[in-house]
PDB file of N, CA and C in Angstrom:
ATOM      1  N   MET A   1      99.996  87.924 114.299  1.00  0.00           N
ATOM      2  CA  MET A   1     101.173  88.180 115.090  1.00  0.00           C
ATOM      3  C   MET A   1     102.084  86.953 115.110  1.00  0.00           C
ATOM      4  N   TRP A   2     101.487  85.764 115.106  1.00  0.00           N
ATOM      5  CA  TRP A   2     102.295  84.547 115.087  1.00  0.00           C
ATOM      6  C   TRP A   2     103.108  84.465 113.801  1.00  0.00           C
ATOM      7  N   CYS A   3     102.463  84.793 112.685  1.00  0.00           N
ATOM      8  CA  CYS A   3     103.151  84.774 111.388  1.00  0.00           C
ATOM      9  C   CYS A   3     104.272  85.818 111.372  1.00  0.00           C
ATOM     10  N   LEU A   4     103.995  86.991 111.886  1.00  0.00           N
ATOM     11  CA  LEU A   4     105.010  88.039 111.934  1.00  0.00           C
ATOM     12  C   LEU A   4     106.181  87.620 112.833  1.00  0.00           C
ATOM     13  N   TRP A   5     105.896  86.958 113.925  1.00  0.00           N
ATOM     14  CA  TRP A   5     106.942  86.467 114.819  1.00  0.00           C
ATOM     15  C   TRP A   5     107.869  85.496 114.083  1.00  0.00           C
ATOM     16  N   ASN A   6     107.272  84.524 113.381  1.00  0.00           N
ATOM     17  CA  ASN A   6     108.070  83.532 112.661  1.00  0.00           C
ATOM     18  C   ASN A   6     108.843  84.151 111.499  1.00  0.00           C
ATOM     19  N   LEU A   7     108.219  85.071 110.784  1.00  0.00           N
ATOM     20  CA  LEU A   7     108.929  85.741 109.697  1.00  0.00           C
ATOM     21  C   LEU A   7     110.081  86.576 110.233  1.00  0.00           C
ATOM     22  N   GLY A   8     109.879  87.207 111.371  1.00  0.00           N
ATOM     23  CA  GLY A   8     110.939  87.987 111.991  1.00  0.00           C
ATOM     24  C   GLY A   8     112.118  87.126 112.426  1.00  0.00           C
ATOM     25  N   LEU A   9     111.815  85.919 112.922  1.00  0.00           N
ATOM     26  CA  LEU A   9     112.894  85.008 113.305  1.00  0.00           C
ATOM     27  C   LEU A   9     113.721  84.571 112.101  1.00  0.00           C
ATOM     28  N   LEU A  10     113.078  84.444 110.953  1.00  0.00           N
ATOM     29  CA  LEU A  10     113.808  84.101 109.731  1.00  0.00           C
ATOM     30  C   LEU A  10     114.548  85.302 109.143  1.00  0.00           C
ATOM     31  N   ALA A  11     113.942  86.472 109.246  1.00  0.00           N
ATOM     32  CA  ALA A  11     114.487  87.655 108.578  1.00  0.00           C
ATOM     33  C   ALA A  11     115.624  88.317 109.349  1.00  0.00           C
ATOM     34  N   GLU A  12     115.608  88.234 110.655  1.00  0.00           N
ATOM     35  CA  GLU A  12     116.607  88.974 111.434  1.00  0.00           C
ATOM     36  C   GLU A  12     118.044  88.541 111.163  1.00  0.00           C
ATOM     37  N   PRO A  13     118.355  87.244 111.008  1.00  0.00           N
ATOM     38  CA  PRO A  13     119.735  86.899 110.666  1.00  0.00           C
ATOM     39  C   PRO A  13     120.164  87.402 109.290  1.00  0.00           C
ATOM     40  N   LEU A  14     119.212  87.562 108.389  1.00  0.00           N
ATOM     41  CA  LEU A  14     119.536  88.032 107.037  1.00  0.00           C
ATOM     42  C   LEU A  14     119.639  89.545 106.944  1.00  0.00           C
ATOM     43  N   LEU A  15     118.751  90.250 107.641  1.00  0.00           N
ATOM     44  CA  LEU A  15     118.649  91.702 107.480  1.00  0.00           C
ATOM     45  C   LEU A  15     119.093  92.504 108.692  1.00  0.00           C
ATOM     46  N   GLY A  16     119.119  91.890 109.850  1.00  0.00           N
ATOM     47  CA  GLY A  16     119.381  92.632 111.073  1.00  0.00           C
ATOM     48  C   GLY A  16     118.096  93.270 111.579  1.00  0.00           C
ATOM     49  N   SER A  17     118.127  93.755 112.796  1.00  0.00           N
ATOM     50  CA  SER A  17     116.923  94.342 113.405  1.00  0.00           C
ATOM     51  C   SER A  17     116.446  95.575 112.661  1.00  0.00           C
ATOM     52  N   ALA A  18     117.381  96.455 112.317  1.00  0.00           N
ATOM     53  CA  ALA A  18     117.011  97.680 111.602  1.00  0.00           C
ATOM     54  C   ALA A  18     116.486  97.366 110.202  1.00  0.00           C
ATOM     55  N   GLY A  19     117.055  96.365 109.557  1.00  0.00           N
ATOM     56  CA  GLY A  19     116.589  95.981 108.228  1.00  0.00           C
ATOM     57  C   GLY A  19     115.188  95.414 108.241  1.00  0.00           C
ATOM     58  N   VAL A  20     114.880  94.602 109.258  1.00  0.00           N
ATOM     59  CA  VAL A  20     113.533  94.046 109.379  1.00  0.00           C
ATOM     60  C   VAL A  20     112.532  95.169 109.624  1.00  0.00           C
ATOM     61  N   LEU A  21     112.878  96.099 110.498  1.00  0.00           N
ATOM     62  CA  LEU A  21     111.986  97.226 110.776  1.00  0.00           C
ATOM     63  C   LEU A  21     111.769  98.076 109.526  1.00  0.00           C
ATOM     64  N   ALA A  22     112.839  98.360 108.800  1.00  0.00           N
ATOM     65  CA  ALA A  22     112.719  99.161 107.576  1.00  0.00           C
ATOM     66  C   ALA A  22     111.884  98.436 106.525  1.00  0.00           C
ATOM     67  N   ALA A  23     112.119  97.141 106.344  1.00  0.00           N
ATOM     68  CA  ALA A  23     111.340  96.369 105.375  1.00  0.00           C
ATOM     69  C   ALA A  23     109.879  96.319 105.774  1.00  0.00           C
ATOM     70  N   TYR A  24     109.596  96.150 107.054  1.00  0.00           N
ATOM     71  CA  TYR A  24     108.221  96.099 107.554  1.00  0.00           C
ATOM     72  C   TYR A  24     107.505  97.425 107.291  1.00  0.00           C
ATOM     73  N   ILE A  25     108.155  98.529 107.602  1.00  0.00           N
ATOM     74  CA  ILE A  25     107.528  99.845 107.411  1.00  0.00           C
ATOM     75  C   ILE A  25     107.347 100.151 105.926  1.00  0.00           C
ATOM     76  N   LEU A  26     108.364  99.894 105.115  1.00  0.00           N
ATOM     77  CA  LEU A  26     108.264 100.196 103.681  1.00  0.00           C
ATOM     78  C   LEU A  26     107.223  99.336 102.978  1.00  0.00           C
ATOM     79  N   THR A  27     107.195  98.039 103.263  1.00  0.00           N
ATOM     80  CA  THR A  27     106.209  97.193 102.605  1.00  0.00           C
ATOM     81  C   THR A  27     104.806  97.475 103.127  1.00  0.00           C
ATOM     82  N   GLY A  28     104.688  97.847 104.391  1.00  0.00           N
ATOM     83  CA  GLY A  28     103.378  98.224 104.929  1.00  0.00           C
ATOM     84  C   GLY A  28     102.841  99.488 104.284  1.00  0.00           C
ATOM     85  N   ALA A  29     103.696 100.496 104.125  1.00  0.00           N
ATOM     86  CA  ALA A  29     103.277 101.740 103.478  1.00  0.00           C
ATOM     87  C   ALA A  29     102.918 101.492 102.014  1.00  0.00           C
ATOM     88  N   ALA A  30     103.741 100.706 101.328  1.00  0.00           N
ATOM     89  CA  ALA A  30     103.464 100.415  99.922  1.00  0.00           C
ATOM     90  C   ALA A  30     102.166  99.621  99.768  1.00  0.00           C
ATOM     91  N   GLY A  31     101.937  98.650 100.637  1.00  0.00           N
ATOM     92  CA  GLY A  31     100.709  97.861 100.577  1.00  0.00           C
ATOM     93  C   GLY A  31      99.468  98.696 100.829  1.00  0.00           C
ATOM     94  N   ASN A  32      99.529  99.590 101.826  1.00  0.00           N
ATOM     95  CA  ASN A  32      98.376 100.443 102.117  1.00  0.00           C
ATOM     96  C   ASN A  32      98.129 101.456 101.011  1.00  0.00           C
ATOM     97  N   LEU A  33      99.193 102.023 100.435  1.00  0.00           N
ATOM     98  CA  LEU A  33      99.011 102.959  99.327  1.00  0.00           C
ATOM     99  C   LEU A  33      98.426 102.271  98.102  1.00  0.00           C
ATOM    100  N   LEU A  34      98.911 101.081  97.792  1.00  0.00           N
ATOM    101  CA  LEU A  34      98.374 100.333  96.662  1.00  0.00           C
ATOM    102  C   LEU A  34      96.919  99.954  96.897  1.00  0.00           C
ATOM    103  N   SER A  35      96.582  99.543  98.103  1.00  0.00           N
ATOM    104  CA  SER A  35      95.204  99.200  98.433  1.00  0.00           C
ATOM    105  C   SER A  35      94.283 100.411  98.293  1.00  0.00           C
ATOM    106  N   THR A  36      94.737 101.565  98.766  1.00  0.00           N
ATOM    107  CA  THR A  36      93.942 102.787  98.640  1.00  0.00           C
ATOM    108  C   THR A  36      93.751 103.165  97.183  1.00  0.00           C
ATOM    109  N   PHE A  37      94.809 103.087  96.408  1.00  0.00           N
ATOM    110  CA  PHE A  37      94.742 103.439  94.985  1.00  0.00           C
ATOM    111  C   PHE A  37      93.787 102.517  94.232  1.00  0.00           C
ATOM    112  N   VAL A  38      93.908 101.223  94.458  1.00  0.00           N
ATOM    113  CA  VAL A  38      93.052 100.253  93.753  1.00  0.00           C
ATOM    114  C   VAL A  38      91.599 100.399  94.185  1.00  0.00           C
ATOM    115  N   SER A  39      91.338 100.605  95.475  1.00  0.00           N
ATOM    116  CA  SER A  39      89.951 100.742  95.924  1.00  0.00           C
ATOM    117  C   SER A  39      89.311 102.014  95.387  1.00  0.00           C
ATOM    118  N   ARG A  40      90.092 103.073  95.231  1.00  0.00           N
ATOM    119  CA  ARG A  40      89.520 104.298  94.656  1.00  0.00           C
ATOM    120  C   ARG A  40      89.239 104.127  93.175  1.00  0.00           C
ATOM    121  N   LEU A  41      90.077 103.415  92.468  1.00  0.00           N
ATOM    122  CA  LEU A  41      89.799 103.150  91.058  1.00  0.00           C
ATOM    123  C   LEU A  41      88.611 102.211  90.891  1.00  0.00           C
ATOM    124  N   TRP A  42      88.530 101.207  91.749  1.00  0.00           N
ATOM    125  CA  TRP A  42      87.482 100.193  91.639  1.00  0.00           C
ATOM    126  C   TRP A  42      86.100 100.783  91.917  1.00  0.00           C
ATOM    127  N   HIS A  43      86.019 101.692  92.884  1.00  0.00           N
ATOM    128  CA  HIS A  43      84.727 102.245  93.301  1.00  0.00           C
ATOM    129  C   HIS A  43      84.489 103.663  92.775  1.00  0.00           C
ATOM    130  N   TYR A  44      85.202 104.061  91.740  1.00  0.00           N
ATOM    131  CA  TYR A  44      85.086 105.433  91.242  1.00  0.00           C
ATOM    132  C   TYR A  44      83.776 105.636  90.492  1.00  0.00           C
ATOM    133  N   VAL A  45      83.033 106.654  90.904  1.00  0.00           N
ATOM    134  CA  VAL A  45      81.825 107.081  90.207  1.00  0.00           C
ATOM    135  C   VAL A  45      81.980 108.574  89.983  1.00  0.00           C
ATOM    136  N   PRO A  46      81.961 109.035  88.714  1.00  0.00           N
ATOM    137  CA  PRO A  46      82.146 110.473  88.455  1.00  0.00           C
ATOM    138  C   PRO A  46      81.094 111.316  89.170  1.00  0.00           C
ATOM    139  N   GLY A  47      81.557 112.347  89.850  1.00  0.00           N
ATOM    140  CA  GLY A  47      80.677 113.263  90.562  1.00  0.00           C
ATOM    141  C   GLY A  47      80.287 112.818  91.957  1.00  0.00           C
ATOM    142  N   ASP A  48      80.642 111.624  92.363  1.00  0.00           N
ATOM    143  CA  ASP A  48      80.300 111.113  93.684  1.00  0.00           C
ATOM    144  C   ASP A  48      81.447 111.409  94.650  1.00  0.00           C
ATOM    145  N   PRO A  49      81.173 112.090  95.766  1.00  0.00           N
ATOM    146  CA  PRO A  49      82.264 112.410  96.703  1.00  0.00           C
ATOM    147  C   PRO A  49      82.749 111.207  97.506  1.00  0.00           C
ATOM    148  N   TYR A  50      82.009 110.091  97.468  1.00  0.00           N
ATOM    149  CA  TYR A  50      82.411 108.895  98.205  1.00  0.00           C
ATOM    150  C   TYR A  50      83.585 108.241  97.493  1.00  0.00           C
ATOM    151  N   PHE A  51      84.663 108.006  98.199  1.00  0.00           N
ATOM    152  CA  PHE A  51      85.890 107.485  97.591  1.00  0.00           C
ATOM    153  C   PHE A  51      86.077 105.988  97.760  1.00  0.00           C
ATOM    154  N   GLY A  52      85.116 105.299  98.305  1.00  0.00           N
ATOM    155  CA  GLY A  52      85.260 103.864  98.471  1.00  0.00           C
ATOM    156  C   GLY A  52      85.692 103.494  99.870  1.00  0.00           C
ATOM    157  N   PRO A  53      85.871 102.207 100.092  1.00  0.00           N
ATOM    158  CA  PRO A  53      86.211 101.738 101.438  1.00  0.00           C
ATOM    159  C   PRO A  53      87.626 102.124 101.860  1.00  0.00           C
ATOM    160  N   VAL A  54      87.789 102.258 103.145  1.00  0.00           N
ATOM    161  CA  VAL A  54      89.096 102.559 103.720  1.00  0.00           C
ATOM    162  C   VAL A  54      89.590 101.300 104.424  1.00  0.00           C
ATOM    163  N   GLY A  55      90.850 100.961 104.196  1.00  0.00           N
ATOM    164  CA  GLY A  55      91.410  99.768 104.818  1.00  0.00           C
ATOM    165  C   GLY A  55      92.470 100.128 105.837  1.00  0.00           C
ATOM    166  N   ALA A  56      92.631  99.261 106.798  1.00  0.00           N
ATOM    167  CA  ALA A  56      93.674  99.434 107.800  1.00  0.00           C
ATOM    168  C   ALA A  56      94.139  98.059 108.247  1.00  0.00           C
ATOM    169  N   GLY A  57      95.384  97.967 108.600  1.00  0.00           N
ATOM    170  CA  GLY A  57      95.904  96.693 109.071  1.00  0.00           C
ATOM    171  C   GLY A  57      97.332  96.491 108.631  1.00  0.00           C
ATOM    172  N   ALA A  58      97.891  95.387 109.066  1.00  0.00           N
ATOM    173  CA  ALA A  58      99.304  95.110 108.811  1.00  0.00           C
ATOM    174  C   ALA A  58      99.509  93.982 107.817  1.00  0.00           C
ATOM    175  N   SER A  59      98.464  93.560 107.140  1.00  0.00           N
ATOM    176  CA  SER A  59      98.617  92.412 106.244  1.00  0.00           C
ATOM    177  C   SER A  59      99.566  92.717 105.090  1.00  0.00           C
ATOM    178  N   GLY A  60      99.552  93.938 104.581  1.00  0.00           N
ATOM    179  CA  GLY A  60     100.478  94.303 103.509  1.00  0.00           C
ATOM    180  C   GLY A  60     101.926  94.217 103.963  1.00  0.00           C
ATOM    181  N   ALA A  61     102.189  94.626 105.191  1.00  0.00           N
ATOM    182  CA  ALA A  61     103.554  94.563 105.720  1.00  0.00           C
ATOM    183  C   ALA A  61     103.991  93.121 105.960  1.00  0.00           C
ATOM    184  N   VAL A  62     103.093  92.299 106.461  1.00  0.00           N
ATOM    185  CA  VAL A  62     103.443  90.904 106.737  1.00  0.00           C
ATOM    186  C   VAL A  62     103.701  90.162 105.430  1.00  0.00           C
ATOM    187  N   PHE A  63     102.817  90.346 104.445  1.00  0.00           N
ATOM    188  CA  PHE A  63     103.024  89.686 103.160  1.00  0.00           C
ATOM    189  C   PHE A  63     104.227  90.261 102.414  1.00  0.00           C
ATOM    190  N   GLY A  64     104.507  91.544 102.588  1.00  0.00           N
ATOM    191  CA  GLY A  64     105.707  92.125 101.997  1.00  0.00           C
ATOM    192  C   GLY A  64     106.973  91.544 102.587  1.00  0.00           C
ATOM    193  N   LEU A  65     106.969  91.349 103.898  1.00  0.00           N
ATOM    194  CA  LEU A  65     108.120  90.725 104.552  1.00  0.00           C
ATOM    195  C   LEU A  65     108.275  89.276 104.103  1.00  0.00           C
ATOM    196  N   ALA A  66     107.161  88.576 103.932  1.00  0.00           N
ATOM    197  CA  ALA A  66     107.220  87.199 103.436  1.00  0.00           C
ATOM    198  C   ALA A  66     107.764  87.162 102.011  1.00  0.00           C
ATOM    199  N   GLY A  67     107.337  88.087 101.174  1.00  0.00           N
ATOM    200  CA  GLY A  67     107.849  88.147  99.803  1.00  0.00           C
ATOM    201  C   GLY A  67     109.330  88.460  99.753  1.00  0.00           C
ATOM    202  N   LEU A  68     109.770  89.363 100.604  1.00  0.00           N
ATOM    203  CA  LEU A  68     111.194  89.683 100.674  1.00  0.00           C
ATOM    204  C   LEU A  68     112.007  88.471 101.108  1.00  0.00           C
ATOM    205  N   LEU A  69     111.489  87.716 102.059  1.00  0.00           N
ATOM    206  CA  LEU A  69     112.181  86.505 102.498  1.00  0.00           C
ATOM    207  C   LEU A  69     112.228  85.454 101.400  1.00  0.00           C
ATOM    208  N   ILE A  70     111.162  85.335 100.623  1.00  0.00           N
ATOM    209  CA  ILE A  70     111.173  84.385  99.506  1.00  0.00           C
ATOM    210  C   ILE A  70     112.277  84.745  98.525  1.00  0.00           C
ATOM    211  N   VAL A  71     112.404  86.019  98.225  1.00  0.00           N
ATOM    212  CA  VAL A  71     113.444  86.461  97.294  1.00  0.00           C
ATOM    213  C   VAL A  71     114.832  86.224  97.885  1.00  0.00           C
ATOM    214  N   LEU A  72     115.021  86.606  99.144  1.00  0.00           N
ATOM    215  CA  LEU A  72     116.347  86.466  99.759  1.00  0.00           C
ATOM    216  C   LEU A  72     116.757  85.007  99.941  1.00  0.00           C
ATOM    217  N   LEU A  73     115.825  84.168 100.341  1.00  0.00           N
ATOM    218  CA  LEU A  73     116.166  82.769 100.583  1.00  0.00           C
ATOM    219  C   LEU A  73     116.268  81.956  99.299  1.00  0.00           C
ATOM    220  N   ASN A  74     115.769  82.474  98.193  1.00  0.00           N
ATOM    221  CA  ASN A  74     115.881  81.787  96.909  1.00  0.00           C
ATOM    222  C   ASN A  74     117.194  82.082  96.200  1.00  0.00           C
ATOM    223  N   ARG A  75     117.924  83.079  96.663  1.00  0.00           N
ATOM    224  CA  ARG A  75     119.205  83.399  96.030  1.00  0.00           C
ATOM    225  C   ARG A  75     120.167  82.241  96.207  1.00  0.00           C
ATOM    226  N   ARG A  76     120.892  81.918  95.174  1.00  0.00           N
ATOM    227  CA  ARG A  76     121.817  80.779  95.222  1.00  0.00           C
ATOM    228  C   ARG A  76     123.059  81.092  96.055  1.00  0.00           C
ATOM    229  N   ASP A  77     123.402  82.367  96.207  1.00  0.00           N
ATOM    230  CA  ASP A  77     124.610  82.713  96.943  1.00  0.00           C
ATOM    231  C   ASP A  77     124.342  83.065  98.412  1.00  0.00           C
ATOM    232  N   CYS A  78     123.158  82.735  98.913  1.00  0.00           N
ATOM    233  CA  CYS A  78     122.816  83.050 100.303  1.00  0.00           C
ATOM    234  C   CYS A  78     123.625  82.172 101.251  1.00  0.00           C
ATOM    235  N   ARG A  79     124.417  82.795 102.096  1.00  0.00           N
ATOM    236  CA  ARG A  79     125.274  82.063 103.032  1.00  0.00           C
ATOM    237  C   ARG A  79     124.620  81.870 104.387  1.00  0.00           C
ATOM    238  N   CYS A  80     123.407  82.372 104.545  1.00  0.00           N
ATOM    239  CA  CYS A  80     122.773  82.322 105.851  1.00  0.00           C
ATOM    240  C   CYS A  80     121.934  81.071 106.066  1.00  0.00           C
ATOM    241  N   ARG A  81     121.872  80.203 105.098  1.00  0.00           N
ATOM    242  CA  ARG A  81     121.057  78.995 105.260  1.00  0.00           C
ATOM    243  C   ARG A  81     121.754  78.024 106.192  1.00  0.00           C
ATOM    244  N   ARG A  82     121.054  77.640 107.196  1.00  0.00           N
ATOM    245  CA  ARG A  82     121.632  76.731 108.181  1.00  0.00           C
ATOM    246  C   ARG A  82     121.523  75.297 107.746  1.00  0.00           C
ATOM    247  N   TRP A  83     120.670  75.002 106.766  1.00  0.00           N
ATOM    248  CA  TRP A  83     120.476  73.624 106.343  1.00  0.00           C
ATOM    249  C   TRP A  83     121.405  73.222 105.207  1.00  0.00           C
ATOM    250  N   ASN A  84     122.288  74.096 104.746  1.00  0.00           N
ATOM    251  CA  ASN A  84     123.248  73.746 103.697  1.00  0.00           C
ATOM    252  C   ASN A  84     124.439  73.046 104.292  1.00  0.00           C
TER     253      ASN A  84
END
């Protein structure tokens, strides 16, 4: 939660409140879907009804928001940097 708080403080001036929420939800959904897909491929046994481990959590959303911030803050034309 501390990491999400700090990332939100950085992201809100760039994306706005609705943008941060949308990025959080989209990256969280994408992270969970990718995790489910990879775990099913990794633990696949033909004929076995067990589909592998199930994951839950917000780490995909937090890391997705961090990745989005890395991309946005690395742009050379970003006018939101306060240290320039």
